[in-house]
């Protein structure tokens, strides 16, 4: 079973996580964008090669979960890290407001259906964690979830996080490497990005007035994220709290973390036995014997 190794962005796996202990900016001066872009390409190329072996071996799956405040850079990071990966071995799912059908099931159902198969990399842009994040900040949403019996609101979040932790341990035991990324953007940087979306026409489509309304719940979200990460960062399903104020550095950090995790799994191309090799030799002779 996969176990996380030490990493500067790794949230404590013993329940002692405090969001205030993790910076939104990486230490030191960032490298130039040109150097970061080159480094990212090299890492992504390596992920592509590892993913090919992962797909061929067909034994282990990788699940990448991305959570963040609005404008932290989830979409761009997913796009940058997965560029060059064979689409046949990679799946991306985005989870927003649950549908009527999804509300007919438990809160893990809609994401469980989208889990990656063995040999594939699955990416969740937001995830089952929304049920202990946005719903915690807006508990009135519970009124529309048709829960089978009433639960005390202060306790429901702990219960949901306990279910998530048990679910992720089950995934890990079953051969899925679970890596979770909280892109940790500062309030000031979020404001700057929101203003850029308003002031730059090509970015207008990204802006939603609802984003500013949610910004008003910033402190509540910080409490919710701290509780979620504290309760569910475990060696077999680690959280990485990645500084997100400088996007190029953030993307490289995420890519390196994914690469290192798959390296640890060390997938290998299948090795043919003697009978299979003999069969290949037979097929080769048949092909060579064909008329031009």
Protein backbone atom coordinates (compact mmCIF):
# COMPACT_ATOMS: atom_id res chain seq x y z
CA UNK A 1 0.00 0.00 0.00
CA UNK A 2 1.31 3.45 -0.89
CA UNK A 3 2.64 5.56 1.98
CA UNK A 4 3.64 9.20 1.65
CA UNK A 5 7.28 10.14 2.11
CA UNK A 6 8.47 13.41 3.71
CA UNK A 7 7.66 16.52 1.68
CA UNK A 8 7.68 20.25 2.53
CA UNK A 9 4.00 20.55 1.60
CA UNK A 10 2.84 17.34 3.28
CA UNK A 11 0.17 18.02 5.91
CA UNK A 12 0.82 16.17 9.18
CA UNK A 13 -0.73 12.72 9.12
CA UNK A 14 -1.25 12.53 12.89
CA UNK A 15 -4.19 14.93 13.15
CA UNK A 16 -2.10 17.92 14.22
CA UNK A 17 -2.50 19.96 11.01
CA UNK A 18 -2.94 23.72 11.36
CA UNK A 19 -3.55 25.73 8.20
CA UNK A 20 -1.77 28.74 9.70
CA UNK A 21 1.47 26.73 9.68
CA UNK A 22 1.50 26.59 5.86
CA UNK A 23 2.44 29.61 3.76
CA UNK A 24 0.64 30.74 0.62
CA UNK A 25 3.97 31.74 -0.98
CA UNK A 26 6.95 29.43 -1.44
CA UNK A 27 10.08 30.48 0.45
CA UNK A 28 12.74 32.51 -1.36
CA UNK A 29 12.61 34.25 -4.70
CA UNK A 30 10.78 32.28 -7.37
CA UNK A 31 12.76 31.04 -10.33
CA UNK A 32 12.17 32.75 -13.65
CA UNK A 33 9.06 31.70 -15.54
CA UNK A 34 11.27 30.41 -18.35
CA UNK A 35 13.20 28.10 -16.02
CA UNK A 36 10.03 26.96 -14.28
CA UNK A 37 8.35 26.23 -17.62
CA UNK A 38 11.34 24.16 -18.75
CA UNK A 39 11.45 22.27 -15.45
CA UNK A 40 7.69 21.60 -15.64
CA UNK A 41 7.99 20.18 -19.15
CA UNK A 42 10.72 17.79 -18.03
CA UNK A 43 8.64 16.58 -15.10
CA UNK A 44 5.49 16.23 -17.21
CA UNK A 45 7.43 14.21 -19.79
CA UNK A 46 8.55 11.89 -17.01
CA UNK A 47 4.97 11.57 -15.73
CA UNK A 48 3.96 10.62 -19.27
CA UNK A 49 6.54 7.85 -19.38
CA UNK A 50 5.53 6.60 -15.93
CA UNK A 51 1.87 6.71 -16.90
CA UNK A 52 2.58 4.52 -19.93
CA UNK A 53 4.09 1.89 -17.64
CA UNK A 54 1.23 2.29 -15.16
CA UNK A 55 -1.30 1.72 -17.96
CA UNK A 56 0.57 -1.30 -19.35
CA UNK A 57 0.96 -2.91 -15.93
CA UNK A 58 -2.77 -2.45 -15.23
CA UNK A 59 -2.49 -3.07 -11.49
CA UNK A 60 -2.55 0.28 -9.69
CA UNK A 61 -4.72 3.38 -10.13
CA UNK A 62 -3.87 6.98 -9.17
CA UNK A 63 -6.46 9.45 -7.89
CA UNK A 64 -5.56 13.15 -7.73
CA UNK A 65 -7.97 15.32 -5.74
CA UNK A 66 -7.81 19.10 -6.13
CA UNK A 67 -9.50 21.44 -3.66
CA UNK A 68 -9.03 25.19 -3.25
CA UNK A 69 -10.65 28.54 -2.79
CA UNK A 70 -11.90 30.21 -5.97
CA UNK A 71 -9.17 31.54 -8.30
CA UNK A 72 -6.46 29.43 -6.67
CA UNK A 73 -5.64 27.84 -10.04
CA UNK A 74 -7.14 24.34 -10.03
CA UNK A 75 -8.08 24.27 -13.71
CA UNK A 76 -4.76 25.67 -14.92
CA UNK A 77 -2.76 23.34 -12.71
CA UNK A 78 -4.66 20.27 -13.89
CA UNK A 79 -4.19 21.35 -17.51
CA UNK A 80 -0.46 22.09 -17.06
CA UNK A 81 0.36 18.89 -15.19
CA UNK A 82 -1.65 16.58 -17.44
CA UNK A 83 -0.48 18.06 -20.76
CA UNK A 84 1.29 15.33 -22.68
CA UNK A 85 -0.38 12.49 -20.80
CA UNK A 86 -2.05 9.89 -23.01
CA UNK A 87 -5.81 10.63 -22.81
CA UNK A 88 -6.49 6.89 -22.81
CA UNK A 89 -4.88 6.66 -19.40
CA UNK A 90 -6.22 9.81 -17.79
CA UNK A 91 -9.71 10.96 -16.78
CA UNK A 92 -10.81 14.34 -15.38
CA UNK A 93 -14.08 14.91 -13.53
CA UNK A 94 -15.44 18.17 -12.14
CA UNK A 95 -18.03 18.10 -9.37
CA UNK A 96 -20.38 21.01 -8.79
CA UNK A 97 -23.94 21.16 -7.46
CA UNK A 98 -25.35 17.62 -7.08
CA UNK A 99 -28.09 16.59 -9.47
CA UNK A 100 -31.49 15.30 -8.38
CA UNK A 101 -30.36 11.76 -9.16
CA UNK A 102 -27.17 12.17 -7.14
CA UNK A 103 -29.14 13.40 -4.14
CA UNK A 104 -31.02 10.09 -4.17
CA UNK A 105 -27.81 8.43 -2.95
CA UNK A 106 -25.26 8.87 -0.19
CA UNK A 107 -22.81 11.74 -0.67
CA UNK A 108 -19.96 9.48 -1.83
CA UNK A 109 -21.97 7.84 -4.61
CA UNK A 110 -21.49 10.36 -7.40
CA UNK A 111 -17.72 10.39 -7.04
CA UNK A 112 -17.38 6.65 -6.52
CA UNK A 113 -18.81 6.12 -10.00
CA UNK A 114 -15.93 8.17 -11.42
CA UNK A 115 -13.01 6.46 -9.71
CA UNK A 116 -10.12 5.58 -12.04
CA UNK A 117 -9.73 2.03 -13.27
CA UNK A 118 -6.50 0.14 -12.64
CA UNK A 119 -3.71 1.56 -14.76
CA UNK A 120 -5.30 5.01 -15.07
CA UNK A 121 -4.88 8.42 -13.49
CA UNK A 122 -8.15 9.95 -12.31
CA UNK A 123 -8.45 13.64 -11.46
CA UNK A 124 -11.20 15.16 -9.33
CA UNK A 125 -11.61 18.91 -9.74
CA UNK A 126 -13.40 19.37 -6.42
CA UNK A 127 -14.69 16.16 -4.91
CA UNK A 128 -16.61 14.45 -2.12
CA UNK A 129 -14.89 16.91 0.21
CA UNK A 130 -17.38 19.57 -0.89
CA UNK A 131 -19.87 17.88 1.44
CA UNK A 132 -17.71 18.90 4.41
CA UNK A 133 -16.61 22.25 2.97
CA UNK A 134 -19.22 24.26 1.07
CA UNK A 135 -22.06 22.45 2.86
CA UNK A 136 -20.41 23.15 6.20
CA UNK A 137 -20.13 26.84 5.34
CA UNK A 138 -23.74 26.84 4.07
CA UNK A 139 -25.52 24.26 6.29
CA UNK A 140 -28.90 25.26 4.85
CA UNK A 141 -27.97 23.04 1.89
CA UNK A 142 -28.65 20.05 4.15
CA UNK A 143 -32.37 20.86 3.98
CA UNK A 144 -32.38 19.78 0.32
CA UNK A 145 -30.42 16.57 0.78
CA UNK A 146 -33.30 14.49 2.11
CA UNK A 147 -31.18 12.82 4.76
CA UNK A 148 -32.82 9.69 6.23
CA UNK A 149 -32.74 10.99 9.80
CA UNK A 150 -31.84 14.29 11.40
CA UNK A 151 -28.30 14.64 12.73
CA UNK A 152 -26.95 17.35 15.02
CA UNK A 153 -25.27 19.81 12.66
CA UNK A 154 -22.02 20.12 14.66
CA UNK A 155 -21.58 16.34 14.52
CA UNK A 156 -22.43 15.67 10.88
CA UNK A 157 -19.13 17.10 9.62
CA UNK A 158 -17.06 14.81 11.83
CA UNK A 159 -19.14 11.86 10.67
CA UNK A 160 -18.76 12.75 7.00
CA UNK A 161 -15.01 13.20 7.38
CA UNK A 162 -14.80 9.85 9.18
CA UNK A 163 -16.63 8.25 6.24
CA UNK A 164 -14.22 9.90 3.81
CA UNK A 165 -11.18 8.73 5.77
CA UNK A 166 -12.48 5.15 5.83
CA UNK A 167 -13.33 5.33 2.12
CA UNK A 168 -9.84 6.53 1.21
CA UNK A 169 -8.22 3.82 3.31
CA UNK A 170 -10.32 1.28 1.45
CA UNK A 171 -9.15 2.74 -1.87
CA UNK A 172 -5.52 2.59 -0.76
CA UNK A 173 -5.83 -1.03 0.37
CA UNK A 174 -7.44 -1.85 -2.98
CA UNK A 175 -4.57 -0.44 -5.05
CA UNK A 176 -5.41 3.23 -5.59
CA UNK A 177 -2.78 5.85 -4.81
CA UNK A 178 -4.73 8.80 -3.37
CA UNK A 179 -2.99 12.20 -3.53
CA UNK A 180 -4.89 15.29 -2.38
CA UNK A 181 -3.84 18.85 -3.14
CA UNK A 182 -5.06 21.97 -1.37
CA UNK A 183 -3.89 24.93 -3.45
CA UNK A 184 -3.31 27.46 -0.70
CA UNK A 185 -3.95 30.94 -2.09
CA UNK A 186 -3.92 34.08 0.05
CA UNK A 187 -6.89 36.40 0.41
CA UNK A 188 -4.92 39.26 -1.15
CA UNK A 189 -3.87 37.20 -4.15
CA UNK A 190 -7.45 36.00 -4.67
CA UNK A 191 -8.58 39.63 -4.73
CA UNK A 192 -5.93 40.49 -7.32
CA UNK A 193 -7.03 37.61 -9.55
CA UNK A 194 -10.71 38.53 -9.23
CA UNK A 195 -9.90 42.11 -10.26
CA UNK A 196 -7.91 40.81 -13.23
CA UNK A 197 -10.94 38.78 -14.32
CA UNK A 198 -13.05 41.92 -14.25
CA UNK A 199 -10.54 44.28 -15.85
CA UNK A 200 -9.19 42.01 -18.61
CA UNK A 201 -11.83 41.28 -21.25
CA UNK A 202 -10.38 37.92 -22.18
CA UNK A 203 -10.83 36.85 -18.55
CA UNK A 204 -14.36 38.21 -18.06
CA UNK A 205 -15.91 34.80 -18.69
CA UNK A 206 -14.10 33.43 -15.64
CA UNK A 207 -15.70 35.88 -13.25
CA UNK A 208 -18.87 35.18 -11.29
CA UNK A 209 -20.50 37.49 -8.78
CA UNK A 210 -21.02 34.40 -6.64
CA UNK A 211 -17.25 34.18 -6.23
CA UNK A 212 -17.20 37.50 -4.40
CA UNK A 213 -20.10 36.41 -2.20
CA UNK A 214 -18.22 33.25 -1.24
CA UNK A 215 -15.16 35.39 -0.50
CA UNK A 216 -17.21 36.91 2.31
CA UNK A 217 -17.10 33.48 3.99
CA UNK A 218 -13.30 33.27 3.81
CA UNK A 219 -12.75 32.63 7.51
CA UNK A 220 -15.44 29.95 7.61
CA UNK A 221 -13.80 28.16 4.69
CA UNK A 222 -10.42 28.27 6.41
CA UNK A 223 -11.97 26.54 9.43
CA UNK A 224 -13.64 23.96 7.18
CA UNK A 225 -10.45 23.21 5.24
CA UNK A 226 -8.40 22.88 8.40
CA UNK A 227 -10.90 20.40 9.85
CA UNK A 228 -11.05 18.38 6.62
CA UNK A 229 -7.29 18.14 6.16
CA UNK A 230 -6.68 17.51 9.86
CA UNK A 231 -9.17 14.62 9.88
CA UNK A 232 -8.17 12.93 6.63
CA UNK A 233 -4.46 13.46 5.93
CA UNK A 234 -3.07 9.98 6.39
CA UNK A 235 0.09 8.21 5.14
CA UNK A 236 -1.96 6.27 2.57
CA UNK A 237 -4.08 9.30 1.52
CA UNK A 238 -1.94 12.40 2.14
CA UNK A 239 -2.86 16.04 1.76
CA UNK A 240 -0.32 18.39 0.20
CA UNK A 241 -0.87 22.06 1.07
CA UNK A 242 0.78 23.79 -1.88
CA UNK A 243 1.58 27.53 -1.87
CA UNK A 244 -0.59 28.95 -4.66
CA UNK A 245 0.25 32.65 -4.84
CA UNK A 246 2.80 32.02 -7.61
CA UNK A 247 1.18 29.77 -10.20
CA UNK A 248 4.29 28.52 -12.08
CA UNK A 249 5.93 27.40 -8.83
CA UNK A 250 2.69 25.79 -7.64
CA UNK A 251 2.28 23.82 -10.87
CA UNK A 252 5.83 22.52 -10.74
CA UNK A 253 5.39 21.49 -7.10
CA UNK A 254 2.22 19.54 -7.92
CA UNK A 255 3.85 17.88 -10.94
CA UNK A 256 6.92 16.85 -8.96
CA UNK A 257 4.73 15.41 -6.20
CA UNK A 258 2.72 13.34 -8.67
CA UNK A 259 5.87 12.14 -10.42
CA UNK A 260 7.54 11.13 -7.15
CA UNK A 261 4.46 9.20 -6.01
CA UNK A 262 4.25 7.18 -9.24
CA UNK A 263 8.01 6.63 -9.09
CA UNK A 264 7.50 5.13 -5.66
CA UNK A 265 4.91 2.73 -7.08
CA UNK A 266 7.49 1.85 -9.77
CA UNK A 267 5.14 0.42 -12.42
CA UNK A 268 6.78 -1.90 -14.95
CA UNK A 269 5.91 -3.13 -18.41
CA UNK A 270 4.61 -6.72 -18.30
CA UNK A 271 7.24 -9.40 -18.95
CA UNK A 272 6.21 -12.17 -21.34
CA UNK A 273 6.84 -15.80 -20.44
CA UNK A 274 8.48 -18.28 -22.81
CA UNK A 275 5.19 -19.46 -24.29
CA UNK A 276 4.08 -15.92 -25.06
CA UNK A 277 7.45 -15.07 -26.60
CA UNK A 278 7.24 -18.16 -28.77
CA UNK A 279 3.78 -17.07 -29.88
CA UNK A 280 5.15 -13.64 -30.80
CA UNK A 281 7.94 -15.24 -32.82
CA UNK A 282 5.34 -17.32 -34.65
CA UNK A 283 3.27 -14.24 -35.47
CA UNK A 284 6.41 -12.45 -36.67
CA UNK A 285 7.20 -15.25 -39.09
CA UNK A 286 3.66 -15.21 -40.44
CA UNK A 287 3.84 -11.45 -41.03
CA UNK A 288 7.22 -11.67 -42.74
CA UNK A 289 5.91 -14.48 -44.97
CA UNK A 290 3.10 -12.34 -46.36
CA UNK A 291 3.36 -11.33 -50.00
CA UNK A 292 4.44 -7.72 -50.58
